[in-house]
Amino acid sequence: QVQFVESGGGFVQPGGSLRLSCAASGFTFSMYSMNWYRQAPRKEREWVATITSGGRITTYADSVKGRFTISRDDAKNTVNLQMNSLNPEDTAKYYCGAFGSWGQGTQVTVSA
C-alpha cells in the first residue's frame, strides 16, 4: 500500500539548518508531484513546497521561499527538504505526501 515515511526532524537553534527526507513506496513515485506540508500547534496544515514529476518545476510558500529547497531522487523514491535560516515560526510537524495521502510526519523545533 501507499506509504510515506518522513525523517530528519529535530531541535535546532534559530539560523540553523535541517534536511528532511521522505521515503515513498507503494506507487510509481517518478510519475507524481510530491509535496511537503507542515502543521504547527493549534494551526491548520500549511503547504510548504511542491516538486513536479521529473523535478523540472519547484514551487514554495512565500514564508519559506529562498530558505527551503525541495528535491527528489527518483532512483531512491525519496523527496527531500533542505531547510536553511530556520526561525521559530518554522516550528511544526512536517509531512510529505501526494494525491491526498501523507506520512506520520517529523517534528521540527526551532528555539534558542
PDB file of N, CA and C in Angstrom:
ATOM      1  N   GLN A   1       0.825  -1.181   0.000  1.00  0.00           N
ATOM      2  CA  GLN A   1       0.000   0.000   0.000  1.00  0.00           C
ATOM      3  C   GLN A   1       0.872   1.248   0.000  1.00  0.00           C
ATOM      4  N   VAL A   2       0.250   2.368  -0.302  1.00  0.00           N
ATOM      5  CA  VAL A   2       0.976   3.638  -0.347  1.00  0.00           C
ATOM      6  C   VAL A   2       1.497   3.981   1.048  1.00  0.00           C
ATOM      7  N   GLN A   3       2.760   4.376   1.097  1.00  0.00           N
ATOM      8  CA  GLN A   3       3.373   4.708   2.378  1.00  0.00           C
ATOM      9  C   GLN A   3       4.369   5.836   2.194  1.00  0.00           C
ATOM     10  N   PHE A   4       4.374   6.740   3.158  1.00  0.00           N
ATOM     11  CA  PHE A   4       5.353   7.822   3.209  1.00  0.00           C
ATOM     12  C   PHE A   4       5.971   7.812   4.603  1.00  0.00           C
ATOM     13  N   VAL A   5       7.297   7.838   4.655  1.00  0.00           N
ATOM     14  CA  VAL A   5       7.983   7.826   5.942  1.00  0.00           C
ATOM     15  C   VAL A   5       8.952   8.999   5.988  1.00  0.00           C
ATOM     16  N   GLU A   6       8.621   9.982   6.816  1.00  0.00           N
ATOM     17  CA  GLU A   6       9.457  11.171   6.952  1.00  0.00           C
ATOM     18  C   GLU A   6      10.522  10.972   8.036  1.00  0.00           C
ATOM     19  N   SER A   7      11.655  11.629   7.857  1.00  0.00           N
ATOM     20  CA  SER A   7      12.729  11.571   8.837  1.00  0.00           C
ATOM     21  C   SER A   7      13.556  12.847   8.756  1.00  0.00           C
ATOM     22  N   GLY A   8      14.417  13.039   9.751  1.00  0.00           N
ATOM     23  CA  GLY A   8      15.349  14.158   9.714  1.00  0.00           C
ATOM     24  C   GLY A   8      14.990  15.335  10.591  1.00  0.00           C
ATOM     25  N   GLY A   9      13.839  15.279  11.226  1.00  0.00           N
ATOM     26  CA  GLY A   9      13.457  16.377  12.097  1.00  0.00           C
ATOM     27  C   GLY A   9      14.314  16.414  13.350  1.00  0.00           C
ATOM     28  N   GLY A  10      14.130  17.465  14.115  1.00  0.00           N
ATOM     29  CA  GLY A  10      14.887  17.592  15.358  1.00  0.00           C
ATOM     30  C   GLY A  10      14.781  18.979  15.927  1.00  0.00           C
ATOM     31  N   PHE A  11      15.697  19.246  16.855  1.00  0.00           N
ATOM     32  CA  PHE A  11      15.752  20.538  17.531  1.00  0.00           C
ATOM     33  C   PHE A  11      16.934  21.317  16.965  1.00  0.00           C
ATOM     34  N   VAL A  12      16.691  22.587  16.625  1.00  0.00           N
ATOM     35  CA  VAL A  12      17.757  23.413  16.059  1.00  0.00           C
ATOM     36  C   VAL A  12      17.593  24.848  16.538  1.00  0.00           C
ATOM     37  N   GLN A  13      18.697  25.536  16.667  1.00  0.00           N
ATOM     38  CA  GLN A  13      18.650  26.939  17.074  1.00  0.00           C
ATOM     39  C   GLN A  13      18.287  27.831  15.897  1.00  0.00           C
ATOM     40  N   PRO A  14      17.739  29.004  16.168  1.00  0.00           N
ATOM     41  CA  PRO A  14      17.440  29.944  15.076  1.00  0.00           C
ATOM     42  C   PRO A  14      18.678  30.201  14.218  1.00  0.00           C
ATOM     43  N   GLY A  15      18.455  30.224  12.911  1.00  0.00           N
ATOM     44  CA  GLY A  15      19.541  30.387  11.967  1.00  0.00           C
ATOM     45  C   GLY A  15      20.157  29.090  11.503  1.00  0.00           C
ATOM     46  N   GLY A  16      19.769  28.000  12.128  1.00  0.00           N
ATOM     47  CA  GLY A  16      20.324  26.703  11.787  1.00  0.00           C
ATOM     48  C   GLY A  16      19.657  26.064  10.583  1.00  0.00           C
ATOM     49  N   SER A  17      20.083  24.835  10.286  1.00  0.00           N
ATOM     50  CA  SER A  17      19.588  24.104   9.112  1.00  0.00           C
ATOM     51  C   SER A  17      19.210  22.677   9.501  1.00  0.00           C
ATOM     52  N   LEU A  18      18.285  22.151   8.744  1.00  0.00           N
ATOM     53  CA  LEU A  18      17.918  20.736   8.829  1.00  0.00           C
ATOM     54  C   LEU A  18      17.591  20.242   7.433  1.00  0.00           C
ATOM     55  N   ARG A  19      17.773  18.948   7.246  1.00  0.00           N
ATOM     56  CA  ARG A  19      17.398  18.325   5.977  1.00  0.00           C
ATOM     57  C   ARG A  19      16.432  17.197   6.267  1.00  0.00           C
ATOM     58  N   LEU A  20      15.225  17.351   5.761  1.00  0.00           N
ATOM     59  CA  LEU A  20      14.209  16.321   5.923  1.00  0.00           C
ATOM     60  C   LEU A  20      14.220  15.394   4.717  1.00  0.00           C
ATOM     61  N   SER A  21      13.919  14.134   4.974  1.00  0.00           N
ATOM     62  CA  SER A  21      13.797  13.151   3.895  1.00  0.00           C
ATOM     63  C   SER A  21      12.478  12.424   4.028  1.00  0.00           C
ATOM     64  N   CYS A  22      11.998  11.948   2.914  1.00  0.00           N
ATOM     65  CA  CYS A  22      10.743  11.186   2.892  1.00  0.00           C
ATOM     66  C   CYS A  22      10.918  10.019   1.936  1.00  0.00           C
ATOM     67  N   ALA A  23      10.723   8.824   2.445  1.00  0.00           N
ATOM     68  CA  ALA A  23      10.783   7.622   1.624  1.00  0.00           C
ATOM     69  C   ALA A  23       9.368   7.211   1.261  1.00  0.00           C
ATOM     70  N   ALA A  24       9.123   7.060  -0.030  1.00  0.00           N
ATOM     71  CA  ALA A  24       7.788   6.721  -0.515  1.00  0.00           C
ATOM     72  C   ALA A  24       7.790   5.320  -1.110  1.00  0.00           C
ATOM     73  N   SER A  25       6.661   4.645  -0.992  1.00  0.00           N
ATOM     74  CA  SER A  25       6.536   3.314  -1.570  1.00  0.00           C
ATOM     75  C   SER A  25       5.070   3.024  -1.877  1.00  0.00           C
ATOM     76  N   GLY A  26       4.864   2.000  -2.684  1.00  0.00           N
ATOM     77  CA  GLY A  26       3.511   1.562  -2.984  1.00  0.00           C
ATOM     78  C   GLY A  26       2.874   2.194  -4.207  1.00  0.00           C
ATOM     79  N   PHE A  27       3.640   3.004  -4.935  1.00  0.00           N
ATOM     80  CA  PHE A  27       3.135   3.616  -6.165  1.00  0.00           C
ATOM     81  C   PHE A  27       4.333   3.974  -7.038  1.00  0.00           C
ATOM     82  N   THR A  28       4.053   4.368  -8.274  1.00  0.00           N
ATOM     83  CA  THR A  28       5.135   4.713  -9.218  1.00  0.00           C
ATOM     84  C   THR A  28       5.579   6.137  -8.918  1.00  0.00           C
ATOM     85  N   PHE A  29       6.550   6.246  -8.050  1.00  0.00           N
ATOM     86  CA  PHE A  29       6.983   7.521  -7.481  1.00  0.00           C
ATOM     87  C   PHE A  29       7.299   8.553  -8.567  1.00  0.00           C
ATOM     88  N   SER A  30       8.004   8.155  -9.590  1.00  0.00           N
ATOM     89  CA  SER A  30       8.508   9.102 -10.586  1.00  0.00           C
ATOM     90  C   SER A  30       7.385   9.800 -11.355  1.00  0.00           C
ATOM     91  N   MET A  31       6.187   9.266 -11.305  1.00  0.00           N
ATOM     92  CA  MET A  31       5.099   9.820 -12.100  1.00  0.00           C
ATOM     93  C   MET A  31       4.348  10.941 -11.390  1.00  0.00           C
ATOM     94  N   TYR A  32       4.653  11.160 -10.103  1.00  0.00           N
ATOM     95  CA  TYR A  32       3.824  12.073  -9.314  1.00  0.00           C
ATOM     96  C   TYR A  32       4.597  13.268  -8.782  1.00  0.00           C
ATOM     97  N   SER A  33       3.896  14.408  -8.734  1.00  0.00           N
ATOM     98  CA  SER A  33       4.408  15.531  -7.974  1.00  0.00           C
ATOM     99  C   SER A  33       4.409  15.145  -6.496  1.00  0.00           C
ATOM    100  N   MET A  34       5.375  15.676  -5.782  1.00  0.00           N
ATOM    101  CA  MET A  34       5.494  15.408  -4.351  1.00  0.00           C
ATOM    102  C   MET A  34       5.448  16.727  -3.593  1.00  0.00           C
ATOM    103  N   ASN A  35       4.903  16.650  -2.398  1.00  0.00           N
ATOM    104  CA  ASN A  35       4.667  17.863  -1.615  1.00  0.00           C
ATOM    105  C   ASN A  35       5.188  17.725  -0.192  1.00  0.00           C
ATOM    106  N   TRP A  36       5.531  18.858   0.371  1.00  0.00           N
ATOM    107  CA  TRP A  36       5.764  18.970   1.807  1.00  0.00           C
ATOM    108  C   TRP A  36       4.739  19.941   2.375  1.00  0.00           C
ATOM    109  N   TYR A  37       4.193  19.544   3.510  1.00  0.00           N
ATOM    110  CA  TYR A  37       3.304  20.395   4.272  1.00  0.00           C
ATOM    111  C   TYR A  37       3.834  20.468   5.701  1.00  0.00           C
ATOM    112  N   ARG A  38       3.285  21.390   6.480  1.00  0.00           N
ATOM    113  CA  ARG A  38       3.635  21.449   7.889  1.00  0.00           C
ATOM    114  C   ARG A  38       2.422  21.887   8.699  1.00  0.00           C
ATOM    115  N   GLN A  39       2.419  21.518   9.951  1.00  0.00           N
ATOM    116  CA  GLN A  39       1.335  21.899  10.839  1.00  0.00           C
ATOM    117  C   GLN A  39       1.907  22.251  12.209  1.00  0.00           C
ATOM    118  N   ALA A  40       1.715  23.506  12.571  1.00  0.00           N
ATOM    119  CA  ALA A  40       2.144  23.975  13.879  1.00  0.00           C
ATOM    120  C   ALA A  40       1.017  23.746  14.883  1.00  0.00           C
ATOM    121  N   PRO A  41       1.353  23.709  16.173  1.00  0.00           N
ATOM    122  CA  PRO A  41       0.318  23.514  17.194  1.00  0.00           C
ATOM    123  C   PRO A  41      -0.787  24.557  17.060  1.00  0.00           C
ATOM    124  N   ARG A  42      -2.023  24.098  17.108  1.00  0.00           N
ATOM    125  CA  ARG A  42      -3.211  24.960  17.091  1.00  0.00           C
ATOM    126  C   ARG A  42      -3.354  25.721  15.765  1.00  0.00           C
ATOM    127  N   LYS A  43      -2.704  25.248  14.727  1.00  0.00           N
ATOM    128  CA  LYS A  43      -2.857  25.858  13.408  1.00  0.00           C
ATOM    129  C   LYS A  43      -3.235  24.805  12.386  1.00  0.00           C
ATOM    130  N   GLU A  44      -3.769  25.268  11.266  1.00  0.00           N
ATOM    131  CA  GLU A  44      -4.116  24.338  10.193  1.00  0.00           C
ATOM    132  C   GLU A  44      -2.861  23.928   9.434  1.00  0.00           C
ATOM    133  N   ARG A  45      -2.986  22.792   8.757  1.00  0.00           N
ATOM    134  CA  ARG A  45      -1.859  22.336   7.945  1.00  0.00           C
ATOM    135  C   ARG A  45      -1.591  23.344   6.836  1.00  0.00           C
ATOM    136  N   GLU A  46      -0.335  23.612   6.581  1.00  0.00           N
ATOM    137  CA  GLU A  46       0.098  24.637   5.635  1.00  0.00           C
ATOM    138  C   GLU A  46       0.972  24.000   4.571  1.00  0.00           C
ATOM    139  N   TRP A  47       0.676  24.296   3.329  1.00  0.00           N
ATOM    140  CA  TRP A  47       1.515  23.816   2.227  1.00  0.00           C
ATOM    141  C   TRP A  47       2.858  24.524   2.282  1.00  0.00           C
ATOM    142  N   VAL A  48       3.929  23.765   2.039  1.00  0.00           N
ATOM    143  CA  VAL A  48       5.279  24.320   2.090  1.00  0.00           C
ATOM    144  C   VAL A  48       5.936  24.354   0.707  1.00  0.00           C
ATOM    145  N   ALA A  49       5.920  23.201   0.016  1.00  0.00           N
ATOM    146  CA  ALA A  49       6.633  23.142  -1.260  1.00  0.00           C
ATOM    147  C   ALA A  49       6.138  21.966  -2.090  1.00  0.00           C
ATOM    148  N   THR A  50       6.322  22.077  -3.392  1.00  0.00           N
ATOM    149  CA  THR A  50       5.964  21.023  -4.340  1.00  0.00           C
ATOM    150  C   THR A  50       7.063  20.879  -5.366  1.00  0.00           C
ATOM    151  N   ILE A  51       7.300  19.646  -5.771  1.00  0.00           N
ATOM    152  CA  ILE A  51       8.220  19.372  -6.878  1.00  0.00           C
ATOM    153  C   ILE A  51       7.488  18.468  -7.853  1.00  0.00           C
ATOM    154  N   THR A  52       7.528  18.837  -9.117  1.00  0.00           N
ATOM    155  CA  THR A  52       6.772  18.077 -10.105  1.00  0.00           C
ATOM    156  C   THR A  52       7.489  16.801 -10.489  1.00  0.00           C
ATOM    157  N   SER A  53       6.772  15.958 -11.192  1.00  0.00           N
ATOM    158  CA  SER A  53       7.362  14.758 -11.754  1.00  0.00           C
ATOM    159  C   SER A  53       8.564  15.155 -12.612  1.00  0.00           C
ATOM    160  N   GLY A  54       9.670  14.480 -12.419  1.00  0.00           N
ATOM    161  CA  GLY A  54      10.886  14.819 -13.152  1.00  0.00           C
ATOM    162  C   GLY A  54      11.677  15.938 -12.528  1.00  0.00           C
ATOM    163  N   GLY A  55      11.100  16.621 -11.561  1.00  0.00           N
ATOM    164  CA  GLY A  55      11.823  17.668 -10.842  1.00  0.00           C
ATOM    165  C   GLY A  55      12.003  18.960 -11.591  1.00  0.00           C
ATOM    166  N   ARG A  56      11.269  19.133 -12.695  1.00  0.00           N
ATOM    167  CA  ARG A  56      11.501  20.335 -13.514  1.00  0.00           C
ATOM    168  C   ARG A  56      11.033  21.603 -12.833  1.00  0.00           C
ATOM    169  N   ILE A  57       9.953  21.516 -12.098  1.00  0.00           N
ATOM    170  CA  ILE A  57       9.349  22.703 -11.503  1.00  0.00           C
ATOM    171  C   ILE A  57       9.233  22.520  -9.996  1.00  0.00           C
ATOM    172  N   THR A  58       9.675  23.530  -9.276  1.00  0.00           N
ATOM    173  CA  THR A  58       9.507  23.565  -7.823  1.00  0.00           C
ATOM    174  C   THR A  58       8.775  24.847  -7.452  1.00  0.00           C
ATOM    175  N   THR A  59       7.913  24.764  -6.499  1.00  0.00           N
ATOM    176  CA  THR A  59       7.186  25.937  -6.012  1.00  0.00           C
ATOM    177  C   THR A  59       7.206  25.929  -4.487  1.00  0.00           C
ATOM    178  N   TYR A  60       7.146  27.133  -3.924  1.00  0.00           N
ATOM    179  CA  TYR A  60       7.301  27.290  -2.482  1.00  0.00           C
ATOM    180  C   TYR A  60       6.297  28.284  -1.931  1.00  0.00           C
ATOM    181  N   ALA A  61       5.916  28.060  -0.685  1.00  0.00           N
ATOM    182  CA  ALA A  61       5.140  29.065   0.031  1.00  0.00           C
ATOM    183  C   ALA A  61       6.015  30.301   0.231  1.00  0.00           C
ATOM    184  N   ASP A  62       5.400  31.453   0.241  1.00  0.00           N
ATOM    185  CA  ASP A  62       6.148  32.698   0.406  1.00  0.00           C
ATOM    186  C   ASP A  62       6.950  32.694   1.710  1.00  0.00           C
ATOM    187  N   SER A  63       6.420  32.026   2.715  1.00  0.00           N
ATOM    188  CA  SER A  63       7.068  32.037   4.033  1.00  0.00           C
ATOM    189  C   SER A  63       8.398  31.289   4.053  1.00  0.00           C
ATOM    190  N   VAL A  64       8.650  30.436   3.050  1.00  0.00           N
ATOM    191  CA  VAL A  64       9.890  29.646   3.052  1.00  0.00           C
ATOM    192  C   VAL A  64      10.739  29.906   1.818  1.00  0.00           C
ATOM    193  N   LYS A  65      10.228  30.680   0.884  1.00  0.00           N
ATOM    194  CA  LYS A  65      10.940  30.911  -0.373  1.00  0.00           C
ATOM    195  C   LYS A  65      12.304  31.527  -0.108  1.00  0.00           C
ATOM    196  N   GLY A  66      13.318  30.973  -0.759  1.00  0.00           N
ATOM    197  CA  GLY A  66      14.684  31.472  -0.573  1.00  0.00           C
ATOM    198  C   GLY A  66      15.416  30.817   0.579  1.00  0.00           C
ATOM    199  N   ARG A  67      14.686  30.087   1.412  1.00  0.00           N
ATOM    200  CA  ARG A  67      15.328  29.409   2.563  1.00  0.00           C
ATOM    201  C   ARG A  67      15.248  27.892   2.458  1.00  0.00           C
ATOM    202  N   PHE A  68      14.162  27.390   1.874  1.00  0.00           N
ATOM    203  CA  PHE A  68      13.946  25.947   1.753  1.00  0.00           C
ATOM    204  C   PHE A  68      14.149  25.523   0.303  1.00  0.00           C
ATOM    205  N   THR A  69      14.632  24.290   0.120  1.00  0.00           N
ATOM    206  CA  THR A  69      14.799  23.720  -1.215  1.00  0.00           C
ATOM    207  C   THR A  69      14.269  22.297  -1.220  1.00  0.00           C
ATOM    208  N   ILE A  70      13.332  22.037  -2.122  1.00  0.00           N
ATOM    209  CA  ILE A  70      12.788  20.692  -2.279  1.00  0.00           C
ATOM    210  C   ILE A  70      13.526  19.999  -3.425  1.00  0.00           C
ATOM    211  N   SER A  71      13.791  18.711  -3.262  1.00  0.00           N
ATOM    212  CA  SER A  71      14.454  17.937  -4.317  1.00  0.00           C
ATOM    213  C   SER A  71      13.933  16.509  -4.256  1.00  0.00           C
ATOM    214  N   ARG A  72      14.213  15.752  -5.294  1.00  0.00           N
ATOM    215  CA  ARG A  72      13.768  14.366  -5.333  1.00  0.00           C
ATOM    216  C   ARG A  72      14.827  13.492  -5.965  1.00  0.00           C
ATOM    217  N   ASP A  73      14.795  12.230  -5.583  1.00  0.00           N
ATOM    218  CA  ASP A  73      15.678  11.216  -6.161  1.00  0.00           C
ATOM    219  C   ASP A  73      14.769  10.072  -6.585  1.00  0.00           C
ATOM    220  N   ASP A  74      14.462  10.017  -7.866  1.00  0.00           N
ATOM    221  CA  ASP A  74      13.529   9.001  -8.346  1.00  0.00           C
ATOM    222  C   ASP A  74      14.122   7.595  -8.289  1.00  0.00           C
ATOM    223  N   ALA A  75      15.424   7.478  -8.288  1.00  0.00           N
ATOM    224  CA  ALA A  75      16.057   6.159  -8.177  1.00  0.00           C
ATOM    225  C   ALA A  75      15.864   5.575  -6.780  1.00  0.00           C
ATOM    226  N   LYS A  76      15.730   6.460  -5.789  1.00  0.00           N
ATOM    227  CA  LYS A  76      15.570   6.005  -4.405  1.00  0.00           C
ATOM    228  C   LYS A  76      14.164   6.208  -3.873  1.00  0.00           C
ATOM    229  N   ASN A  77      13.274   6.763  -4.709  1.00  0.00           N
ATOM    230  CA  ASN A  77      11.901   7.067  -4.277  1.00  0.00           C
ATOM    231  C   ASN A  77      11.883   7.944  -3.028  1.00  0.00           C
ATOM    232  N   THR A  78      12.696   8.976  -3.056  1.00  0.00           N
ATOM    233  CA  THR A  78      12.755   9.883  -1.915  1.00  0.00           C
ATOM    234  C   THR A  78      12.560  11.325  -2.357  1.00  0.00           C
ATOM    235  N   VAL A  79      12.016  12.107  -1.454  1.00  0.00           N
ATOM    236  CA  VAL A  79      11.904  13.546  -1.645  1.00  0.00           C
ATOM    237  C   VAL A  79      12.482  14.202  -0.395  1.00  0.00           C
ATOM    238  N   ASN A  80      13.241  15.263  -0.616  1.00  0.00           N
ATOM    239  CA  ASN A  80      13.952  15.917   0.473  1.00  0.00           C
ATOM    240  C   ASN A  80      13.534  17.372   0.600  1.00  0.00           C
ATOM    241  N   LEU A  81      13.753  17.897   1.785  1.00  0.00           N
ATOM    242  CA  LEU A  81      13.514  19.314   2.023  1.00  0.00           C
ATOM    243  C   LEU A  81      14.696  19.866   2.814  1.00  0.00           C
ATOM    244  N   GLN A  82      15.522  20.644   2.135  1.00  0.00           N
ATOM    245  CA  GLN A  82      16.636  21.307   2.795  1.00  0.00           C
ATOM    246  C   GLN A  82      16.125  22.620   3.364  1.00  0.00           C
ATOM    247  N   MET A  83      16.280  22.804   4.659  1.00  0.00           N
ATOM    248  CA  MET A  83      15.748  23.988   5.336  1.00  0.00           C
ATOM    249  C   MET A  83      16.906  24.772   5.959  1.00  0.00           C
ATOM    250  N   ASN A  84      17.089  25.980   5.485  1.00  0.00           N
ATOM    251  CA  ASN A  84      18.146  26.852   5.996  1.00  0.00           C
ATOM    252  C   ASN A  84      17.543  28.076   6.656  1.00  0.00           C
ATOM    253  N   SER A  85      18.372  28.766   7.413  1.00  0.00           N
ATOM    254  CA  SER A  85      17.948  30.009   8.093  1.00  0.00           C
ATOM    255  C   SER A  85      16.634  29.812   8.837  1.00  0.00           C
ATOM    256  N   LEU A  86      16.572  28.738   9.583  1.00  0.00           N
ATOM    257  CA  LEU A  86      15.337  28.417  10.300  1.00  0.00           C
ATOM    258  C   LEU A  86      15.051  29.438  11.392  1.00  0.00           C
ATOM    259  N   ASN A  87      13.779  29.689  11.620  1.00  0.00           N
ATOM    260  CA  ASN A  87      13.365  30.586  12.685  1.00  0.00           C
ATOM    261  C   ASN A  87      12.236  29.920  13.481  1.00  0.00           C
ATOM    262  N   PRO A  88      11.910  30.451  14.646  1.00  0.00           N
ATOM    263  CA  PRO A  88      10.909  29.789  15.495  1.00  0.00           C
ATOM    264  C   PRO A  88       9.558  29.589  14.818  1.00  0.00           C
ATOM    265  N   GLU A  89       9.240  30.442  13.847  1.00  0.00           N
ATOM    266  CA  GLU A  89       7.964  30.289  13.125  1.00  0.00           C
ATOM    267  C   GLU A  89       7.945  29.045  12.241  1.00  0.00           C
ATOM    268  N   ASP A  90       9.095  28.429  12.025  1.00  0.00           N
ATOM    269  CA  ASP A  90       9.163  27.193  11.250  1.00  0.00           C
ATOM    270  C   ASP A  90       8.892  25.963  12.106  1.00  0.00           C
ATOM    271  N   THR A  91       8.742  26.142  13.401  1.00  0.00           N
ATOM    272  CA  THR A  91       8.449  25.019  14.283  1.00  0.00           C
ATOM    273  C   THR A  91       7.105  24.411  13.908  1.00  0.00           C
ATOM    274  N   ALA A  92       7.118  23.118  13.601  1.00  0.00           N
ATOM    275  CA  ALA A  92       5.911  22.423  13.153  1.00  0.00           C
ATOM    276  C   ALA A  92       6.240  20.955  12.946  1.00  0.00           C
ATOM    277  N   LYS A  93       5.204  20.189  12.729  1.00  0.00           N
ATOM    278  CA  LYS A  93       5.400  18.830  12.251  1.00  0.00           C
ATOM    279  C   LYS A  93       5.323  18.873  10.727  1.00  0.00           C
ATOM    280  N   TYR A  94       6.310  18.259  10.086  1.00  0.00           N
ATOM    281  CA  TYR A  94       6.425  18.313   8.636  1.00  0.00           C
ATOM    282  C   TYR A  94       6.020  16.978   8.033  1.00  0.00           C
ATOM    283  N   TYR A  95       5.198  17.071   7.002  1.00  0.00           N
ATOM    284  CA  TYR A  95       4.651  15.891   6.352  1.00  0.00           C
ATOM    285  C   TYR A  95       4.980  15.912   4.858  1.00  0.00           C
ATOM    286  N   CYS A  96       5.255  14.748   4.310  1.00  0.00           N
ATOM    287  CA  CYS A  96       5.344  14.667   2.858  1.00  0.00           C
ATOM    288  C   CYS A  96       4.189  13.818   2.357  1.00  0.00           C
ATOM    289  N   GLY A  97       3.845  14.019   1.096  1.00  0.00           N
ATOM    290  CA  GLY A  97       2.755  13.246   0.557  1.00  0.00           C
ATOM    291  C   GLY A  97       2.428  13.577  -0.880  1.00  0.00           C
ATOM    292  N   ALA A  98       1.434  12.846  -1.381  1.00  0.00           N
ATOM    293  CA  ALA A  98       0.942  13.027  -2.739  1.00  0.00           C
ATOM    294  C   ALA A  98      -0.478  12.498  -2.807  1.00  0.00           C
ATOM    295  N   PHE A  99      -1.214  13.006  -3.765  1.00  0.00           N
ATOM    296  CA  PHE A  99      -2.613  12.623  -4.033  1.00  0.00           C
ATOM    297  C   PHE A  99      -3.419  12.413  -2.759  1.00  0.00           C
ATOM    298  N   GLY A 100      -3.252  13.316  -1.802  1.00  0.00           N
ATOM    299  CA  GLY A 100      -4.083  13.287  -0.607  1.00  0.00           C
ATOM    300  C   GLY A 100      -3.648  12.323   0.474  1.00  0.00           C
ATOM    301  N   SER A 101      -2.547  11.653   0.286  1.00  0.00           N
ATOM    302  CA  SER A 101      -2.024  10.740   1.299  1.00  0.00           C
ATOM    303  C   SER A 101      -0.768  11.317   1.928  1.00  0.00           C
ATOM    304  N   TRP A 102      -0.573  11.045   3.223  1.00  0.00           N
ATOM    305  CA  TRP A 102       0.543  11.637   3.964  1.00  0.00           C
ATOM    306  C   TRP A 102       1.152  10.618   4.910  1.00  0.00           C
ATOM    307  N   GLY A 103       2.377  10.943   5.316  1.00  0.00           N
ATOM    308  CA  GLY A 103       3.012  10.111   6.312  1.00  0.00           C
ATOM    309  C   GLY A 103       2.631  10.543   7.721  1.00  0.00           C
ATOM    310  N   GLN A 104       3.410  10.050   8.696  1.00  0.00           N
ATOM    311  CA  GLN A 104       3.166  10.380  10.096  1.00  0.00           C
ATOM    312  C   GLN A 104       3.826  11.686  10.498  1.00  0.00           C
ATOM    313  N   GLY A 105       4.729  12.175   9.681  1.00  0.00           N
ATOM    314  CA  GLY A 105       5.358  13.456   9.950  1.00  0.00           C
ATOM    315  C   GLY A 105       6.617  13.341  10.788  1.00  0.00           C
ATOM    316  N   THR A 106       7.411  14.413  10.752  1.00  0.00           N
ATOM    317  CA  THR A 106       8.610  14.516  11.567  1.00  0.00           C
ATOM    318  C   THR A 106       8.626  15.907  12.192  1.00  0.00           C
ATOM    319  N   GLN A 107       8.938  15.953  13.477  1.00  0.00           N
ATOM    320  CA  GLN A 107       8.838  17.209  14.221  1.00  0.00           C
ATOM    321  C   GLN A 107      10.099  18.043  14.047  1.00  0.00           C
ATOM    322  N   VAL A 108       9.894  19.320  13.759  1.00  0.00           N
ATOM    323  CA  VAL A 108      10.979  20.301  13.697  1.00  0.00           C
ATOM    324  C   VAL A 108      10.698  21.371  14.746  1.00  0.00           C
ATOM    325  N   THR A 109      11.664  21.571  15.621  1.00  0.00           N
ATOM    326  CA  THR A 109      11.541  22.595  16.659  1.00  0.00           C
ATOM    327  C   THR A 109      12.712  23.560  16.556  1.00  0.00           C
ATOM    328  N   VAL A 110      12.394  24.837  16.402  1.00  0.00           N
ATOM    329  CA  VAL A 110      13.419  25.877  16.288  1.00  0.00           C
ATOM    330  C   VAL A 110      13.294  26.779  17.506  1.00  0.00           C
ATOM    331  N   SER A 111      14.332  26.762  18.322  1.00  0.00           N
ATOM    332  CA  SER A 111      14.274  27.530  19.568  1.00  0.00           C
ATOM    333  C   SER A 111      15.672  27.813  20.075  1.00  0.00           C
ATOM    334  N   ALA A 112      15.797  28.948  20.741  1.00  0.00           N
ATOM    335  CA  ALA A 112      17.072  29.287  21.361  1.00  0.00           C
ATOM    336  C   ALA A 112      17.214  28.562  22.697  1.00  0.00           C
TER     337      ALA A 112
END
